[in-house]
PDB file of N, CA and C in Angstrom:
ATOM      1  N   MET A   1      78.181 -66.158 -28.822  1.00  0.00           N
ATOM      2  CA  MET A   1      78.509 -64.745 -28.940  1.00  0.00           C
ATOM      3  C   MET A   1      79.153 -64.462 -30.299  1.00  0.00           C
ATOM      4  N   GLU A   2      79.997 -65.367 -30.727  1.00  0.00           N
ATOM      5  CA  GLU A   2      80.685 -65.194 -32.004  1.00  0.00           C
ATOM      6  C   GLU A   2      79.683 -65.144 -33.157  1.00  0.00           C
ATOM      7  N   MET A   3      78.590 -65.895 -33.019  1.00  0.00           N
ATOM      8  CA  MET A   3      77.575 -65.922 -34.075  1.00  0.00           C
ATOM      9  C   MET A   3      76.897 -64.555 -34.225  1.00  0.00           C
ATOM     10  N   ARG A   4      76.739 -63.856 -33.114  1.00  0.00           N
ATOM     11  CA  ARG A   4      76.110 -62.540 -33.172  1.00  0.00           C
ATOM     12  C   ARG A   4      76.990 -61.555 -33.941  1.00  0.00           C
ATOM     13  N   VAL A   5      78.269 -61.617 -33.712  1.00  0.00           N
ATOM     14  CA  VAL A   5      79.196 -60.727 -34.410  1.00  0.00           C
ATOM     15  C   VAL A   5      79.178 -61.052 -35.897  1.00  0.00           C
ATOM     16  N   ASP A   6      79.201 -62.314 -36.217  1.00  0.00           N
ATOM     17  CA  ASP A   6      79.171 -62.728 -37.622  1.00  0.00           C
ATOM     18  C   ASP A   6      77.824 -62.431 -38.282  1.00  0.00           C
ATOM     19  N   LEU A   7      76.789 -62.445 -37.493  1.00  0.00           N
ATOM     20  CA  LEU A   7      75.447 -62.222 -38.030  1.00  0.00           C
ATOM     21  C   LEU A   7      75.322 -60.832 -38.657  1.00  0.00           C
ATOM     22  N   GLY A   8      75.845 -59.817 -37.999  1.00  0.00           N
ATOM     23  CA  GLY A   8      75.784 -58.463 -38.540  1.00  0.00           C
ATOM     24  C   GLY A   8      76.467 -58.371 -39.895  1.00  0.00           C
ATOM     25  N   GLY A   9      77.649 -58.958 -40.006  1.00  0.00           N
ATOM     26  CA  GLY A   9      78.370 -58.959 -41.284  1.00  0.00           C
ATOM     27  C   GLY A   9      77.626 -59.740 -42.350  1.00  0.00           C
ATOM     28  N   TRP A  10      77.061 -60.862 -41.937  1.00  0.00           N
ATOM     29  CA  TRP A  10      76.320 -61.700 -42.887  1.00  0.00           C
ATOM     30  C   TRP A  10      75.111 -60.947 -43.432  1.00  0.00           C
ATOM     31  N   ILE A  11      74.390 -60.256 -42.531  1.00  0.00           N
ATOM     32  CA  ILE A  11      73.213 -59.490 -42.964  1.00  0.00           C
ATOM     33  C   ILE A  11      73.628 -58.377 -43.924  1.00  0.00           C
ATOM     34  N   LYS A  12      74.702 -57.673 -43.604  1.00  0.00           N
ATOM     35  CA  LYS A  12      75.173 -56.597 -44.499  1.00  0.00           C
ATOM     36  C   LYS A  12      75.509 -57.139 -45.872  1.00  0.00           C
ATOM     37  N   ARG A  13      76.210 -58.267 -45.921  1.00  0.00           N
ATOM     38  CA  ARG A  13      76.586 -58.854 -47.215  1.00  0.00           C
ATOM     39  C   ARG A  13      75.341 -59.280 -47.993  1.00  0.00           C
ATOM     40  N   ARG A  14      74.386 -59.910 -47.310  1.00  0.00           N
ATOM     41  CA  ARG A  14      73.172 -60.381 -47.982  1.00  0.00           C
ATOM     42  C   ARG A  14      72.364 -59.197 -48.526  1.00  0.00           C
ATOM     43  N   LEU A  15      72.243 -58.159 -47.714  1.00  0.00           N
ATOM     44  CA  LEU A  15      71.491 -56.991 -48.159  1.00  0.00           C
ATOM     45  C   LEU A  15      72.164 -56.310 -49.341  1.00  0.00           C
ATOM     46  N   LYS A  16      73.484 -56.187 -49.262  1.00  0.00           N
ATOM     47  CA  LYS A  16      74.212 -55.511 -50.336  1.00  0.00           C
ATOM     48  C   LYS A  16      74.052 -56.273 -51.641  1.00  0.00           C
ATOM     49  N   ARG A  17      74.252 -57.584 -51.570  1.00  0.00           N
ATOM     50  CA  ARG A  17      74.108 -58.388 -52.791  1.00  0.00           C
ATOM     51  C   ARG A  17      72.656 -58.391 -53.263  1.00  0.00           C
ATOM     52  N   GLY A  18      71.715 -58.558 -52.332  1.00  0.00           N
ATOM     53  CA  GLY A  18      70.305 -58.620 -52.701  1.00  0.00           C
ATOM     54  C   GLY A  18      69.795 -57.314 -53.270  1.00  0.00           C
ATOM     55  N   VAL A  19      70.149 -56.212 -52.642  1.00  0.00           N
ATOM     56  CA  VAL A  19      69.690 -54.903 -53.096  1.00  0.00           C
ATOM     57  C   VAL A  19      70.295 -54.574 -54.451  1.00  0.00           C
ATOM     58  N   ASN A  20      71.568 -54.838 -54.609  1.00  0.00           N
ATOM     59  CA  ASN A  20      72.215 -54.561 -55.899  1.00  0.00           C
ATOM     60  C   ASN A  20      71.600 -55.392 -57.018  1.00  0.00           C
ATOM     61  N   ALA A  21      71.354 -56.665 -56.735  1.00  0.00           N
ATOM     62  CA  ALA A  21      70.774 -57.533 -57.759  1.00  0.00           C
ATOM     63  C   ALA A  21      69.346 -57.095 -58.094  1.00  0.00           C
ATOM     64  N   GLN A  22      68.577 -56.777 -57.079  1.00  0.00           N
ATOM     65  CA  GLN A  22      67.210 -56.333 -57.329  1.00  0.00           C
ATOM     66  C   GLN A  22      67.187 -54.995 -58.062  1.00  0.00           C
ATOM     67  N   GLY A  23      68.090 -54.099 -57.688  1.00  0.00           N
ATOM     68  CA  GLY A  23      68.159 -52.805 -58.352  1.00  0.00           C
ATOM     69  C   GLY A  23      68.506 -52.946 -59.825  1.00  0.00           C
ATOM     70  N   ALA A  24      69.462 -53.828 -60.118  1.00  0.00           N
ATOM     71  CA  ALA A  24      69.855 -54.053 -61.515  1.00  0.00           C
ATOM     72  C   ALA A  24      68.698 -54.654 -62.307  1.00  0.00           C
ATOM     73  N   ALA A  25      67.996 -55.601 -61.706  1.00  0.00           N
ATOM     74  CA  ALA A  25      66.857 -56.221 -62.388  1.00  0.00           C
ATOM     75  C   ALA A  25      65.757 -55.191 -62.644  1.00  0.00           C
ATOM     76  N   ALA A  26      65.501 -54.313 -61.669  1.00  0.00           N
ATOM     77  CA  ALA A  26      64.475 -53.286 -61.817  1.00  0.00           C
ATOM     78  C   ALA A  26      64.848 -52.296 -62.922  1.00  0.00           C
ATOM     79  N   LYS A  27      66.116 -51.887 -62.957  1.00  0.00           N
ATOM     80  CA  LYS A  27      66.562 -50.964 -64.001  1.00  0.00           C
ATOM     81  C   LYS A  27      66.417 -51.586 -65.381  1.00  0.00           C
ATOM     82  N   GLU A  28      66.699 -52.860 -65.478  1.00  0.00           N
ATOM     83  CA  GLU A  28      66.573 -53.548 -66.765  1.00  0.00           C
ATOM     84  C   GLU A  28      65.115 -53.557 -67.229  1.00  0.00           C
ATOM     85  N   VAL A  29      64.209 -53.842 -66.316  1.00  0.00           N
ATOM     86  CA  VAL A  29      62.783 -53.846 -66.656  1.00  0.00           C
ATOM     87  C   VAL A  29      62.340 -52.444 -67.073  1.00  0.00           C
ATOM     88  N   LEU A  30      62.768 -51.420 -66.331  1.00  0.00           N
ATOM     89  CA  LEU A  30      62.400 -50.048 -66.668  1.00  0.00           C
ATOM     90  C   LEU A  30      62.938 -49.640 -68.041  1.00  0.00           C
ATOM     91  N   ASN A  31      64.159 -50.053 -68.348  1.00  0.00           N
ATOM     92  CA  ASN A  31      64.736 -49.719 -69.651  1.00  0.00           C
ATOM     93  C   ASN A  31      63.976 -50.394 -70.788  1.00  0.00           C
ATOM     94  N   LYS A  32      63.503 -51.600 -70.550  1.00  0.00           N
ATOM     95  CA  LYS A  32      62.799 -52.344 -71.599  1.00  0.00           C
ATOM     96  C   LYS A  32      61.366 -51.871 -71.801  1.00  0.00           C
ATOM     97  N   CYS A  33      60.749 -51.262 -70.789  1.00  0.00           N
ATOM     98  CA  CYS A  33      59.329 -50.907 -70.897  1.00  0.00           C
ATOM     99  C   CYS A  33      59.094 -49.725 -71.836  1.00  0.00           C
ATOM    100  N   GLY A  34      60.086 -48.899 -72.077  1.00  0.00           N
ATOM    101  CA  GLY A  34      59.953 -47.810 -73.032  1.00  0.00           C
ATOM    102  C   GLY A  34      59.238 -46.577 -72.493  1.00  0.00           C
ATOM    103  N   ILE A  35      59.025 -46.504 -71.198  1.00  0.00           N
ATOM    104  CA  ILE A  35      58.385 -45.334 -70.598  1.00  0.00           C
ATOM    105  C   ILE A  35      59.433 -44.603 -69.763  1.00  0.00           C
ATOM    106  N   GLU A  36      59.445 -43.291 -69.897  1.00  0.00           N
ATOM    107  CA  GLU A  36      60.414 -42.484 -69.172  1.00  0.00           C
ATOM    108  C   GLU A  36      60.188 -42.597 -67.656  1.00  0.00           C
ATOM    109  N   THR A  37      61.278 -42.536 -66.917  1.00  0.00           N
ATOM    110  CA  THR A  37      61.207 -42.628 -65.454  1.00  0.00           C
ATOM    111  C   THR A  37      60.369 -41.499 -64.874  1.00  0.00           C
ATOM    112  N   ASP A  38      60.470 -40.303 -65.445  1.00  0.00           N
ATOM    113  CA  ASP A  38      59.668 -39.168 -64.962  1.00  0.00           C
ATOM    114  C   ASP A  38      58.167 -39.451 -65.094  1.00  0.00           C
ATOM    115  N   ASP A  39      57.781 -40.058 -66.216  1.00  0.00           N
ATOM    116  CA  ASP A  39      56.377 -40.405 -66.417  1.00  0.00           C
ATOM    117  C   ASP A  39      55.917 -41.440 -65.396  1.00  0.00           C
ATOM    118  N   LEU A  40      56.761 -42.429 -65.143  1.00  0.00           N
ATOM    119  CA  LEU A  40      56.421 -43.464 -64.159  1.00  0.00           C
ATOM    120  C   LEU A  40      56.315 -42.881 -62.750  1.00  0.00           C
ATOM    121  N   GLN A  41      57.203 -41.953 -62.429  1.00  0.00           N
ATOM    122  CA  GLN A  41      57.142 -41.323 -61.110  1.00  0.00           C
ATOM    123  C   GLN A  41      55.876 -40.491 -60.966  1.00  0.00           C
ATOM    124  N   ALA A  42      55.490 -39.799 -62.032  1.00  0.00           N
ATOM    125  CA  ALA A  42      54.250 -39.009 -61.997  1.00  0.00           C
ATOM    126  C   ALA A  42      53.042 -39.920 -61.816  1.00  0.00           C
ATOM    127  N   GLN A  43      53.040 -41.057 -62.516  1.00  0.00           N
ATOM    128  CA  GLN A  43      51.946 -42.025 -62.362  1.00  0.00           C
ATOM    129  C   GLN A  43      51.909 -42.575 -60.938  1.00  0.00           C
ATOM    130  N   TRP A  44      53.080 -42.813 -60.374  1.00  0.00           N
ATOM    131  CA  TRP A  44      53.156 -43.329 -59.003  1.00  0.00           C
ATOM    132  C   TRP A  44      52.595 -42.304 -58.020  1.00  0.00           C
ATOM    133  N   GLU A  45      52.906 -41.031 -58.208  1.00  0.00           N
ATOM    134  CA  GLU A  45      52.374 -39.979 -57.348  1.00  0.00           C
ATOM    135  C   GLU A  45      50.849 -39.907 -57.463  1.00  0.00           C
ATOM    136  N   ASP A  46      50.340 -40.002 -58.696  1.00  0.00           N
ATOM    137  CA  ASP A  46      48.886 -39.996 -58.903  1.00  0.00           C
ATOM    138  C   ASP A  46      48.233 -41.189 -58.206  1.00  0.00           C
ATOM    139  N   GLN A  47      48.867 -42.335 -58.303  1.00  0.00           N
ATOM    140  CA  GLN A  47      48.338 -43.543 -57.668  1.00  0.00           C
ATOM    141  C   GLN A  47      48.282 -43.378 -56.151  1.00  0.00           C
ATOM    142  N   LYS A  48      49.338 -42.829 -55.569  1.00  0.00           N
ATOM    143  CA  LYS A  48      49.366 -42.619 -54.120  1.00  0.00           C
ATOM    144  C   LYS A  48      48.269 -41.642 -53.693  1.00  0.00           C
ATOM    145  N   LYS A  49      48.092 -40.562 -54.465  1.00  0.00           N
ATOM    146  CA  LYS A  49      47.064 -39.581 -54.133  1.00  0.00           C
ATOM    147  C   LYS A  49      45.677 -40.207 -54.174  1.00  0.00           C
ATOM    148  N   SER A  50      45.424 -41.006 -55.201  1.00  0.00           N
ATOM    149  CA  SER A  50      44.092 -41.603 -55.326  1.00  0.00           C
ATOM    150  C   SER A  50      43.827 -42.619 -54.223  1.00  0.00           C
ATOM    151  N   GLN A  51      44.844 -43.348 -53.816  1.00  0.00           N
ATOM    152  CA  GLN A  51      44.655 -44.341 -52.763  1.00  0.00           C
ATOM    153  C   GLN A  51      44.510 -43.704 -51.387  1.00  0.00           C
ATOM    154  N   LEU A  52      45.068 -42.524 -51.226  1.00  0.00           N
ATOM    155  CA  LEU A  52      45.000 -41.865 -49.931  1.00  0.00           C
ATOM    156  C   LEU A  52      43.845 -40.868 -49.829  1.00  0.00           C
ATOM    157  N   SER A  53      43.095 -40.720 -50.903  1.00  0.00           N
ATOM    158  CA  SER A  53      42.001 -39.750 -50.885  1.00  0.00           C
ATOM    159  C   SER A  53      40.858 -40.259 -50.010  1.00  0.00           C
ATOM    160  N   ILE A  54      39.996 -39.336 -49.646  1.00  0.00           N
ATOM    161  CA  ILE A  54      38.839 -39.682 -48.814  1.00  0.00           C
ATOM    162  C   ILE A  54      37.916 -40.639 -49.561  1.00  0.00           C
ATOM    163  N   ARG A  55      37.779 -40.442 -50.844  1.00  0.00           N
ATOM    164  CA  ARG A  55      36.892 -41.311 -51.620  1.00  0.00           C
ATOM    165  C   ARG A  55      37.361 -42.752 -51.610  1.00  0.00           C
ATOM    166  N   ALA A  56      38.648 -42.970 -51.459  1.00  0.00           N
ATOM    167  CA  ALA A  56      39.151 -44.340 -51.410  1.00  0.00           C
ATOM    168  C   ALA A  56      38.644 -45.058 -50.175  1.00  0.00           C
ATOM    169  N   HIS A  57      38.260 -44.295 -49.159  1.00  0.00           N
ATOM    170  CA  HIS A  57      37.767 -44.891 -47.921  1.00  0.00           C
ATOM    171  C   HIS A  57      36.241 -44.932 -47.876  1.00  0.00           C
ATOM    172  N   ALA A  58      35.593 -44.625 -48.983  1.00  0.00           N
ATOM    173  CA  ALA A  58      34.136 -44.627 -49.025  1.00  0.00           C
ATOM    174  C   ALA A  58      33.534 -45.979 -48.658  1.00  0.00           C
ATOM    175  N   PRO A  59      34.118 -47.100 -49.068  1.00  0.00           N
ATOM    176  CA  PRO A  59      33.502 -48.374 -48.682  1.00  0.00           C
ATOM    177  C   PRO A  59      33.333 -48.529 -47.171  1.00  0.00           C
ATOM    178  N   ALA A  60      34.267 -48.055 -46.391  1.00  0.00           N
ATOM    179  CA  ALA A  60      34.138 -48.141 -44.932  1.00  0.00           C
ATOM    180  C   ALA A  60      32.989 -47.262 -44.453  1.00  0.00           C
ATOM    181  N   ARG A  61      32.877 -46.071 -45.023  1.00  0.00           N
ATOM    182  CA  ARG A  61      31.791 -45.154 -44.666  1.00  0.00           C
ATOM    183  C   ARG A  61      30.456 -45.760 -45.074  1.00  0.00           C
ATOM    184  N   LEU A  62      30.397 -46.344 -46.270  1.00  0.00           N
ATOM    185  CA  LEU A  62      29.158 -46.948 -46.728  1.00  0.00           C
ATOM    186  C   LEU A  62      28.769 -48.144 -45.876  1.00  0.00           C
ATOM    187  N   LYS A  63      29.752 -48.875 -45.408  1.00  0.00           N
ATOM    188  CA  LYS A  63      29.467 -50.016 -44.534  1.00  0.00           C
ATOM    189  C   LYS A  63      28.827 -49.535 -43.234  1.00  0.00           C
ATOM    190  N   LYS A  64      29.350 -48.449 -42.684  1.00  0.00           N
ATOM    191  CA  LYS A  64      28.773 -47.895 -41.462  1.00  0.00           C
ATOM    192  C   LYS A  64      27.333 -47.451 -41.700  1.00  0.00           C
ATOM    193  N   GLU A  65      27.094 -46.790 -42.837  1.00  0.00           N
ATOM    194  CA  GLU A  65      25.745 -46.337 -43.152  1.00  0.00           C
ATOM    195  C   GLU A  65      24.805 -47.518 -43.356  1.00  0.00           C
ATOM    196  N   LEU A  66      25.294 -48.559 -43.991  1.00  0.00           N
ATOM    197  CA  LEU A  66      24.480 -49.761 -44.177  1.00  0.00           C
ATOM    198  C   LEU A  66      24.155 -50.403 -42.836  1.00  0.00           C
ATOM    199  N   ASP A  67      25.117 -50.428 -41.933  1.00  0.00           N
ATOM    200  CA  ASP A  67      24.877 -50.962 -40.589  1.00  0.00           C
ATOM    201  C   ASP A  67      23.779 -50.170 -39.882  1.00  0.00           C
ATOM    202  N   VAL A  68      23.776 -48.854 -40.054  1.00  0.00           N
ATOM    203  CA  VAL A  68      22.742 -48.018 -39.445  1.00  0.00           C
ATOM    204  C   VAL A  68      21.375 -48.353 -40.036  1.00  0.00           C
ATOM    205  N   VAL A  69      21.325 -48.506 -41.354  1.00  0.00           N
ATOM    206  CA  VAL A  69      20.054 -48.841 -42.010  1.00  0.00           C
ATOM    207  C   VAL A  69      19.550 -50.203 -41.534  1.00  0.00           C
ATOM    208  N   LEU A  70      20.447 -51.168 -41.437  1.00  0.00           N
ATOM    209  CA  LEU A  70      20.046 -52.498 -40.971  1.00  0.00           C
ATOM    210  C   LEU A  70      19.568 -52.460 -39.522  1.00  0.00           C
ATOM    211  N   ALA A  71      20.213 -51.662 -38.696  1.00  0.00           N
ATOM    212  CA  ALA A  71      19.781 -51.524 -37.307  1.00  0.00           C
ATOM    213  C   ALA A  71      18.396 -50.887 -37.243  1.00  0.00           C
ATOM    214  N   LEU A  72      18.162 -49.870 -38.074  1.00  0.00           N
ATOM    215  CA  LEU A  72      16.840 -49.240 -38.121  1.00  0.00           C
ATOM    216  C   LEU A  72      15.772 -50.228 -38.588  1.00  0.00           C
ATOM    217  N   GLN A  73      16.127 -51.042 -39.585  1.00  0.00           N
ATOM    218  CA  GLN A  73      15.180 -52.049 -40.071  1.00  0.00           C
ATOM    219  C   GLN A  73      14.856 -53.053 -38.976  1.00  0.00           C
ATOM    220  N   SER A  74      15.851 -53.428 -38.218  1.00  0.00           N
ATOM    221  CA  SER A  74      15.636 -54.351 -37.099  1.00  0.00           C
ATOM    222  C   SER A  74      14.715 -53.731 -36.054  1.00  0.00           C
ATOM    223  N   ASP A  75      14.945 -52.455 -35.747  1.00  0.00           N
ATOM    224  CA  ASP A  75      14.077 -51.751 -34.799  1.00  0.00           C
ATOM    225  C   ASP A  75      12.645 -51.675 -35.324  1.00  0.00           C
ATOM    226  N   LEU A  76      12.524 -51.404 -36.614  1.00  0.00           N
ATOM    227  CA  LEU A  76      11.202 -51.311 -37.231  1.00  0.00           C
ATOM    228  C   LEU A  76      10.482 -52.664 -37.159  1.00  0.00           C
ATOM    229  N   ASP A  77      11.209 -53.741 -37.420  1.00  0.00           N
ATOM    230  CA  ASP A  77      10.622 -55.078 -37.324  1.00  0.00           C
ATOM    231  C   ASP A  77      10.173 -55.387 -35.902  1.00  0.00           C
ATOM    232  N   ALA A  78      10.989 -55.006 -34.925  1.00  0.00           N
ATOM    233  CA  ALA A  78      10.632 -55.240 -33.520  1.00  0.00           C
ATOM    234  C   ALA A  78       9.400 -54.427 -33.140  1.00  0.00           C
ATOM    235  N   SER A  79       9.331 -53.179 -33.619  1.00  0.00           N
ATOM    236  CA  SER A  79       8.163 -52.336 -33.341  1.00  0.00           C
ATOM    237  C   SER A  79       6.914 -52.924 -33.974  1.00  0.00           C
ATOM    238  N   ASP A  80       7.063 -53.417 -35.191  1.00  0.00           N
ATOM    239  CA  ASP A  80       5.931 -54.018 -35.889  1.00  0.00           C
ATOM    240  C   ASP A  80       5.410 -55.234 -35.121  1.00  0.00           C
ATOM    241  N   LYS A  81       6.315 -56.050 -34.662  1.00  0.00           N
ATOM    242  CA  LYS A  81       5.918 -57.244 -33.903  1.00  0.00           C
ATOM    243  C   LYS A  81       5.220 -56.833 -32.598  1.00  0.00           C
ATOM    244  N   ALA A  82       5.772 -55.833 -31.913  1.00  0.00           N
ATOM    245  CA  ALA A  82       5.161 -55.362 -30.663  1.00  0.00           C
ATOM    246  C   ALA A  82       3.782 -54.789 -30.934  1.00  0.00           C
ATOM    247  N   LEU A  83       3.623 -54.077 -32.028  1.00  0.00           N
ATOM    248  CA  LEU A  83       2.332 -53.498 -32.392  1.00  0.00           C
ATOM    249  C   LEU A  83       1.312 -54.590 -32.688  1.00  0.00           C
ATOM    250  N   GLN A  84       1.729 -55.607 -33.405  1.00  0.00           N
ATOM    251  CA  GLN A  84       0.823 -56.724 -33.705  1.00  0.00           C
ATOM    252  C   GLN A  84       0.413 -57.458 -32.430  1.00  0.00           C
ATOM    253  N   THR A  85       1.375 -57.678 -31.551  1.00  0.00           N
ATOM    254  CA  THR A  85       1.081 -58.351 -30.283  1.00  0.00           C
ATOM    255  C   THR A  85       0.111 -57.521 -29.449  1.00  0.00           C
ATOM    256  N   THR A  86       0.349 -56.235 -29.380  1.00  0.00           N
ATOM    257  CA  THR A  86      -0.527 -55.338 -28.625  1.00  0.00           C
ATOM    258  C   THR A  86      -1.937 -55.352 -29.210  1.00  0.00           C
ATOM    259  N   HIS A  87      -2.012 -55.322 -30.520  1.00  0.00           N
ATOM    260  CA  HIS A  87      -3.317 -55.346 -31.201  1.00  0.00           C
ATOM    261  C   HIS A  87      -4.073 -56.622 -30.850  1.00  0.00           C
ATOM    262  N   ALA A  88      -3.385 -57.741 -30.861  1.00  0.00           N
ATOM    263  CA  ALA A  88      -4.029 -59.016 -30.538  1.00  0.00           C
ATOM    264  C   ALA A  88      -4.512 -59.039 -29.094  1.00  0.00           C
ATOM    265  N   VAL A  89      -3.700 -58.525 -28.188  1.00  0.00           N
ATOM    266  CA  VAL A  89      -4.075 -58.496 -26.769  1.00  0.00           C
ATOM    267  C   VAL A  89      -5.272 -57.586 -26.546  1.00  0.00           C
ATOM    268  N   VAL A  90      -5.256 -56.421 -27.192  1.00  0.00           N
ATOM    269  CA  VAL A  90      -6.340 -55.457 -27.027  1.00  0.00           C
ATOM    270  C   VAL A  90      -7.647 -56.023 -27.590  1.00  0.00           C
ATOM    271  N   GLU A  91      -7.557 -56.703 -28.742  1.00  0.00           N
ATOM    272  CA  GLU A  91      -8.767 -57.266 -29.351  1.00  0.00           C
ATOM    273  C   GLU A  91      -9.374 -58.361 -28.479  1.00  0.00           C
ATOM    274  N   LYS A  92      -8.545 -59.136 -27.792  1.00  0.00           N
ATOM    275  CA  LYS A  92      -9.043 -60.211 -26.935  1.00  0.00           C
ATOM    276  C   LYS A  92      -9.663 -59.667 -25.649  1.00  0.00           C
ATOM    277  N   GLY A  93      -9.147 -58.562 -25.181  1.00  0.00           N
ATOM    278  CA  GLY A  93      -9.650 -57.974 -23.936  1.00  0.00           C
ATOM    279  C   GLY A  93     -10.779 -57.002 -24.204  1.00  0.00           C
ATOM    280  N   SER A  94     -11.178 -56.351 -23.174  1.00  0.00           N
ATOM    281  CA  SER A  94     -12.250 -55.360 -23.331  1.00  0.00           C
ATOM    282  C   SER A  94     -11.620 -53.979 -23.470  1.00  0.00           C
ATOM    283  N   ALA A  95     -11.333 -53.627 -24.714  1.00  0.00           N
ATOM    284  CA  ALA A  95     -10.721 -52.329 -24.989  1.00  0.00           C
ATOM    285  C   ALA A  95     -11.794 -51.345 -25.415  1.00  0.00           C
ATOM    286  N   THR A  96     -11.582 -50.113 -25.080  1.00  0.00           N
ATOM    287  CA  THR A  96     -12.542 -49.079 -25.469  1.00  0.00           C
ATOM    288  C   THR A  96     -12.357 -48.764 -26.946  1.00  0.00           C
ATOM    289  N   GLU A  97     -13.350 -48.143 -27.517  1.00  0.00           N
ATOM    290  CA  GLU A  97     -13.289 -47.748 -28.931  1.00  0.00           C
ATOM    291  C   GLU A  97     -12.141 -46.754 -29.149  1.00  0.00           C
ATOM    292  N   GLU A  98     -11.923 -45.913 -28.183  1.00  0.00           N
ATOM    293  CA  GLU A  98     -10.836 -44.926 -28.261  1.00  0.00           C
ATOM    294  C   GLU A  98      -9.471 -45.621 -28.317  1.00  0.00           C
ATOM    295  N   THR A  99      -9.294 -46.673 -27.527  1.00  0.00           N
ATOM    296  CA  THR A  99      -8.031 -47.428 -27.522  1.00  0.00           C
ATOM    297  C   THR A  99      -7.806 -48.098 -28.868  1.00  0.00           C
ATOM    298  N   LEU A 100      -8.873 -48.697 -29.414  1.00  0.00           N
ATOM    299  CA  LEU A 100      -8.756 -49.349 -30.723  1.00  0.00           C
ATOM    300  C   LEU A 100      -8.454 -48.332 -31.820  1.00  0.00           C
ATOM    301  N   ASP A 101      -9.049 -47.153 -31.740  1.00  0.00           N
ATOM    302  CA  ASP A 101      -8.771 -46.094 -32.727  1.00  0.00           C
ATOM    303  C   ASP A 101      -7.307 -45.650 -32.652  1.00  0.00           C
ATOM    304  N   ALA A 102      -6.794 -45.502 -31.437  1.00  0.00           N
ATOM    305  CA  ALA A 102      -5.390 -45.110 -31.250  1.00  0.00           C
ATOM    306  C   ALA A 102      -4.465 -46.178 -31.813  1.00  0.00           C
ATOM    307  N   LEU A 103      -4.815 -47.438 -31.585  1.00  0.00           N
ATOM    308  CA  LEU A 103      -3.999 -48.543 -32.100  1.00  0.00           C
ATOM    309  C   LEU A 103      -4.029 -48.574 -33.621  1.00  0.00           C
ATOM    310  N   ASP A 104      -5.211 -48.362 -34.212  1.00  0.00           N
ATOM    311  CA  ASP A 104      -5.322 -48.305 -35.671  1.00  0.00           C
ATOM    312  C   ASP A 104      -4.478 -47.160 -36.243  1.00  0.00           C
ATOM    313  N   SER A 105      -4.511 -46.023 -35.557  1.00  0.00           N
ATOM    314  CA  SER A 105      -3.715 -44.875 -35.994  1.00  0.00           C
ATOM    315  C   SER A 105      -2.229 -45.201 -35.967  1.00  0.00           C
ATOM    316  N   LEU A 106      -1.790 -45.885 -34.908  1.00  0.00           N
ATOM    317  CA  LEU A 106      -0.379 -46.287 -34.827  1.00  0.00           C
ATOM    318  C   LEU A 106      -0.010 -47.244 -35.952  1.00  0.00           C
ATOM    319  N   GLU A 107      -0.931 -48.168 -36.241  1.00  0.00           N
ATOM    320  CA  GLU A 107      -0.657 -49.127 -37.328  1.00  0.00           C
ATOM    321  C   GLU A 107      -0.539 -48.424 -38.671  1.00  0.00           C
ATOM    322  N   ARG A 108      -1.423 -47.461 -38.922  1.00  0.00           N
ATOM    323  CA  ARG A 108      -1.365 -46.725 -40.190  1.00  0.00           C
ATOM    324  C   ARG A 108      -0.066 -45.922 -40.311  1.00  0.00           C
ATOM    325  N   SER A 109       0.352 -45.306 -39.237  1.00  0.00           N
ATOM    326  CA  SER A 109       1.585 -44.505 -39.282  1.00  0.00           C
ATOM    327  C   SER A 109       2.823 -45.404 -39.379  1.00  0.00           C
ATOM    328  N   HIS A 110       2.674 -46.617 -38.952  1.00  0.00           N
ATOM    329  CA  HIS A 110       3.798 -47.564 -38.991  1.00  0.00           C
ATOM    330  C   HIS A 110       4.037 -48.085 -40.394  1.00  0.00           C
ATOM    331  N   ASP A 111       2.962 -48.217 -41.156  1.00  0.00           N
ATOM    332  CA  ASP A 111       3.094 -48.730 -42.525  1.00  0.00           C
ATOM    333  C   ASP A 111       3.643 -47.651 -43.392  1.00  0.00           C
TER     334      ASP A 111
END
């Protein structure tokens, strides 16, 4: 139980020392870079806007569209295979001229 009480104080001390040290180091870097803080803040705002814009999420949208295209290509390949199989079966059997014409028409529209 005593450790829990001490833990809160320990965390406060660590944070205070850590935050102060990090803040001082950051201020030193900012002073040395030669760019005004206002300019850096404006750049930071621009960066946030660009990262949060809809265009920043375009890769996810494009991935979805690519998935749709790939699915359509897969369907097209399956249809092509089914059409070829049907053509082979019809040619082996006794198909009417009308059936063969319909199959040829489907093949032409498929290409």
